[in-house]
Amino acid sequence: MIKLLRRLLTASSTTEFCESCAQVCTSQCRANALLDQARTRALQLPSRF
């Protein structure tokens, strides 16, 4: 699923300023940043066990 998400997020070939790495970056960098944010949010959720 992560591979599919990464592939979908990197489909765009545009380059823009990325706040996560503070430089001009590619869609691959943005995809990695979004995955890191999703992981961080998931780890901060209260445990249901």
PDB file of N, CA and C in Angstrom:
ATOM      1  N   MET A   1       0.820  -1.193   0.000  1.00  0.00           N
ATOM      2  CA  MET A   1       0.000   0.000   0.000  1.00  0.00           C
ATOM      3  C   MET A   1       0.865   1.258   0.000  1.00  0.00           C
ATOM      4  N   ILE A   2       1.951   1.223   0.737  1.00  0.00           N
ATOM      5  CA  ILE A   2       2.839   2.385   0.766  1.00  0.00           C
ATOM      6  C   ILE A   2       3.441   2.618  -0.612  1.00  0.00           C
ATOM      7  N   LYS A   3       3.787   1.530  -1.314  1.00  0.00           N
ATOM      8  CA  LYS A   3       4.338   1.680  -2.661  1.00  0.00           C
ATOM      9  C   LYS A   3       3.320   2.308  -3.595  1.00  0.00           C
ATOM     10  N   LEU A   4       2.053   1.901  -3.487  1.00  0.00           N
ATOM     11  CA  LEU A   4       1.005   2.478  -4.317  1.00  0.00           C
ATOM     12  C   LEU A   4       0.818   3.953  -3.994  1.00  0.00           C
ATOM     13  N   LEU A   5       0.787   4.296  -2.721  1.00  0.00           N
ATOM     14  CA  LEU A   5       0.642   5.690  -2.316  1.00  0.00           C
ATOM     15  C   LEU A   5       1.806   6.524  -2.825  1.00  0.00           C
ATOM     16  N   ARG A   6       3.012   6.000  -2.698  1.00  0.00           N
ATOM     17  CA  ARG A   6       4.189   6.717  -3.179  1.00  0.00           C
ATOM     18  C   ARG A   6       4.106   6.925  -4.692  1.00  0.00           C
ATOM     19  N   ARG A   7       3.660   5.887  -5.424  1.00  0.00           N
ATOM     20  CA  ARG A   7       3.544   5.987  -6.876  1.00  0.00           C
ATOM     21  C   ARG A   7       2.501   7.033  -7.267  1.00  0.00           C
ATOM     22  N   LEU A   8       1.372   7.061  -6.563  1.00  0.00           N
ATOM     23  CA  LEU A   8       0.335   8.042  -6.860  1.00  0.00           C
ATOM     24  C   LEU A   8       0.794   9.462  -6.554  1.00  0.00           C
ATOM     25  N   LEU A   9       1.514   9.631  -5.464  1.00  0.00           N
ATOM     26  CA  LEU A   9       1.960  10.963  -5.073  1.00  0.00           C
ATOM     27  C   LEU A   9       3.095  11.475  -5.948  1.00  0.00           C
ATOM     28  N   THR A  10       3.841  10.589  -6.588  1.00  0.00           N
ATOM     29  CA  THR A  10       4.962  11.021  -7.423  1.00  0.00           C
ATOM     30  C   THR A  10       4.587  11.084  -8.893  1.00  0.00           C
ATOM     31  N   ALA A  11       3.318  10.918  -9.230  1.00  0.00           N
ATOM     32  CA  ALA A  11       2.896  10.945 -10.629  1.00  0.00           C
ATOM     33  C   ALA A  11       3.124  12.319 -11.256  1.00  0.00           C
ATOM     34  N   SER A  12       3.050  13.353 -10.485  1.00  0.00           N
ATOM     35  CA  SER A  12       3.277  14.708 -10.983  1.00  0.00           C
ATOM     36  C   SER A  12       4.772  14.952 -11.152  1.00  0.00           C
ATOM     37  N   SER A  13       5.135  15.583 -12.265  1.00  0.00           N
ATOM     38  CA  SER A  13       6.556  15.827 -12.525  1.00  0.00           C
ATOM     39  C   SER A  13       6.957  17.268 -12.230  1.00  0.00           C
ATOM     40  N   THR A  14       6.133  17.990 -11.506  1.00  0.00           N
ATOM     41  CA  THR A  14       6.452  19.382 -11.206  1.00  0.00           C
ATOM     42  C   THR A  14       7.499  19.475 -10.108  1.00  0.00           C
ATOM     43  N   THR A  15       8.179  20.588 -10.079  1.00  0.00           N
ATOM     44  CA  THR A  15       9.167  20.856  -9.043  1.00  0.00           C
ATOM     45  C   THR A  15       8.771  22.150  -8.354  1.00  0.00           C
ATOM     46  N   GLU A  16       8.784  22.157  -7.039  1.00  0.00           N
ATOM     47  CA  GLU A  16       8.399  23.350  -6.294  1.00  0.00           C
ATOM     48  C   GLU A  16       9.167  23.416  -4.986  1.00  0.00           C
ATOM     49  N   PHE A  17       8.973  24.501  -4.257  1.00  0.00           N
ATOM     50  CA  PHE A  17       9.648  24.679  -2.976  1.00  0.00           C
ATOM     51  C   PHE A  17       9.008  23.775  -1.941  1.00  0.00           C
ATOM     52  N   CYS A  18       9.827  23.036  -1.244  1.00  0.00           N
ATOM     53  CA  CYS A  18       9.347  22.082  -0.244  1.00  0.00           C
ATOM     54  C   CYS A  18       9.680  22.598   1.151  1.00  0.00           C
ATOM     55  N   GLU A  19       8.664  22.705   1.996  1.00  0.00           N
ATOM     56  CA  GLU A  19       8.896  23.210   3.345  1.00  0.00           C
ATOM     57  C   GLU A  19       9.562  22.179   4.247  1.00  0.00           C
ATOM     58  N   SER A  20       9.339  20.896   3.975  1.00  0.00           N
ATOM     59  CA  SER A  20       9.907  19.875   4.857  1.00  0.00           C
ATOM     60  C   SER A  20      11.422  19.803   4.746  1.00  0.00           C
ATOM     61  N   CYS A  21      11.968  20.045   3.551  1.00  0.00           N
ATOM     62  CA  CYS A  21      13.432  19.990   3.412  1.00  0.00           C
ATOM     63  C   CYS A  21      14.020  21.371   3.127  1.00  0.00           C
ATOM     64  N   ALA A  22      13.175  22.407   3.076  1.00  0.00           N
ATOM     65  CA  ALA A  22      13.605  23.803   2.917  1.00  0.00           C
ATOM     66  C   ALA A  22      14.448  24.030   1.669  1.00  0.00           C
ATOM     67  N   GLN A  23      14.045  23.418   0.573  1.00  0.00           N
ATOM     68  CA  GLN A  23      14.728  23.647  -0.696  1.00  0.00           C
ATOM     69  C   GLN A  23      13.785  23.293  -1.840  1.00  0.00           C
ATOM     70  N   VAL A  24      14.208  23.580  -3.050  1.00  0.00           N
ATOM     71  CA  VAL A  24      13.420  23.187  -4.209  1.00  0.00           C
ATOM     72  C   VAL A  24      13.559  21.681  -4.363  1.00  0.00           C
ATOM     73  N   CYS A  25      12.444  20.985  -4.468  1.00  0.00           N
ATOM     74  CA  CYS A  25      12.524  19.527  -4.518  1.00  0.00           C
ATOM     75  C   CYS A  25      11.516  18.952  -5.497  1.00  0.00           C
ATOM     76  N   THR A  26      11.559  17.673  -5.651  1.00  0.00           N
ATOM     77  CA  THR A  26      10.726  16.966  -6.616  1.00  0.00           C
ATOM     78  C   THR A  26       9.506  16.357  -5.943  1.00  0.00           C
ATOM     79  N   SER A  27       8.668  15.747  -6.741  1.00  0.00           N
ATOM     80  CA  SER A  27       7.480  15.100  -6.202  1.00  0.00           C
ATOM     81  C   SER A  27       7.847  13.921  -5.306  1.00  0.00           C
ATOM     82  N   GLN A  28       8.984  13.274  -5.561  1.00  0.00           N
ATOM     83  CA  GLN A  28       9.426  12.166  -4.702  1.00  0.00           C
ATOM     84  C   GLN A  28       9.691  12.666  -3.281  1.00  0.00           C
ATOM     85  N   CYS A  29      10.300  13.825  -3.155  1.00  0.00           N
ATOM     86  CA  CYS A  29      10.561  14.408  -1.837  1.00  0.00           C
ATOM     87  C   CYS A  29       9.244  14.726  -1.132  1.00  0.00           C
ATOM     88  N   ARG A  30       8.288  15.290  -1.868  1.00  0.00           N
ATOM     89  CA  ARG A  30       6.995  15.602  -1.269  1.00  0.00           C
ATOM     90  C   ARG A  30       6.274  14.332  -0.833  1.00  0.00           C
ATOM     91  N   ALA A  31       6.373  13.276  -1.638  1.00  0.00           N
ATOM     92  CA  ALA A  31       5.739  12.007  -1.273  1.00  0.00           C
ATOM     93  C   ALA A  31       6.352  11.455   0.008  1.00  0.00           C
ATOM     94  N   ASN A  32       7.668  11.519   0.114  1.00  0.00           N
ATOM     95  CA  ASN A  32       8.337  11.048   1.328  1.00  0.00           C
ATOM     96  C   ASN A  32       7.909  11.871   2.537  1.00  0.00           C
ATOM     97  N   ALA A  33       7.790  13.181   2.362  1.00  0.00           N
ATOM     98  CA  ALA A  33       7.375  14.045   3.465  1.00  0.00           C
ATOM     99  C   ALA A  33       5.948  13.721   3.900  1.00  0.00           C
ATOM    100  N   LEU A  34       5.055  13.479   2.931  1.00  0.00           N
ATOM    101  CA  LEU A  34       3.680  13.130   3.272  1.00  0.00           C
ATOM    102  C   LEU A  34       3.605  11.791   3.996  1.00  0.00           C
ATOM    103  N   LEU A  35       4.402  10.821   3.564  1.00  0.00           N
ATOM    104  CA  LEU A  35       4.424   9.529   4.249  1.00  0.00           C
ATOM    105  C   LEU A  35       4.953   9.666   5.666  1.00  0.00           C
ATOM    106  N   ASP A  36       5.974  10.484   5.848  1.00  0.00           N
ATOM    107  CA  ASP A  36       6.509  10.713   7.192  1.00  0.00           C
ATOM    108  C   ASP A  36       5.468  11.373   8.091  1.00  0.00           C
ATOM    109  N   GLN A  37       4.728  12.340   7.542  1.00  0.00           N
ATOM    110  CA  GLN A  37       3.682  12.998   8.323  1.00  0.00           C
ATOM    111  C   GLN A  37       2.590  12.009   8.707  1.00  0.00           C
ATOM    112  N   ALA A  38       2.202  11.134   7.771  1.00  0.00           N
ATOM    113  CA  ALA A  38       1.162  10.144   8.057  1.00  0.00           C
ATOM    114  C   ALA A  38       1.626   9.168   9.133  1.00  0.00           C
ATOM    115  N   ARG A  39       2.885   8.748   9.064  1.00  0.00           N
ATOM    116  CA  ARG A  39       3.423   7.842  10.091  1.00  0.00           C
ATOM    117  C   ARG A  39       3.430   8.520  11.454  1.00  0.00           C
ATOM    118  N   THR A  40       3.848   9.775  11.483  1.00  0.00           N
ATOM    119  CA  THR A  40       3.904  10.513  12.741  1.00  0.00           C
ATOM    120  C   THR A  40       2.514  10.646  13.347  1.00  0.00           C
ATOM    121  N   ARG A  41       1.529  10.993  12.517  1.00  0.00           N
ATOM    122  CA  ARG A  41       0.152  11.104  13.014  1.00  0.00           C
ATOM    123  C   ARG A  41      -0.350   9.763  13.532  1.00  0.00           C
ATOM    124  N   ALA A  42      -0.044   8.685  12.815  1.00  0.00           N
ATOM    125  CA  ALA A  42      -0.504   7.360  13.237  1.00  0.00           C
ATOM    126  C   ALA A  42       0.122   6.960  14.568  1.00  0.00           C
ATOM    127  N   LEU A  43       1.381   7.299  14.768  1.00  0.00           N
ATOM    128  CA  LEU A  43       2.048   6.951  16.019  1.00  0.00           C
ATOM    129  C   LEU A  43       1.538   7.778  17.190  1.00  0.00           C
ATOM    130  N   GLN A  44       0.994   8.956  16.913  1.00  0.00           N
ATOM    131  CA  GLN A  44       0.504   9.821  17.977  1.00  0.00           C
ATOM    132  C   GLN A  44      -0.938   9.519  18.368  1.00  0.00           C
ATOM    133  N   LEU A  45      -1.619   8.668  17.592  1.00  0.00           N
ATOM    134  CA  LEU A  45      -2.990   8.314  17.935  1.00  0.00           C
ATOM    135  C   LEU A  45      -3.004   7.500  19.220  1.00  0.00           C
ATOM    136  N   PRO A  46      -4.015   7.695  20.048  1.00  0.00           N
ATOM    137  CA  PRO A  46      -4.088   6.900  21.279  1.00  0.00           C
ATOM    138  C   PRO A  46      -4.287   5.426  20.942  1.00  0.00           C
ATOM    139  N   SER A  47      -3.667   4.593  21.710  1.00  0.00           N
ATOM    140  CA  SER A  47      -3.754   3.150  21.489  1.00  0.00           C
ATOM    141  C   SER A  47      -5.137   2.643  21.873  1.00  0.00           C
ATOM    142  N   ARG A  48      -5.653   1.714  21.091  1.00  0.00           N
ATOM    143  CA  ARG A  48      -6.973   1.146  21.385  1.00  0.00           C
ATOM    144  C   ARG A  48      -6.855  -0.150  22.165  1.00  0.00           C
ATOM    145  N   PHE A  49      -5.675  -0.537  22.532  1.00  0.00           N
ATOM    146  CA  PHE A  49      -5.477  -1.801  23.254  1.00  0.00           C
ATOM    147  C   PHE A  49      -5.226  -1.553  24.710  1.00  0.00           C
TER     148      PHE A  49
END
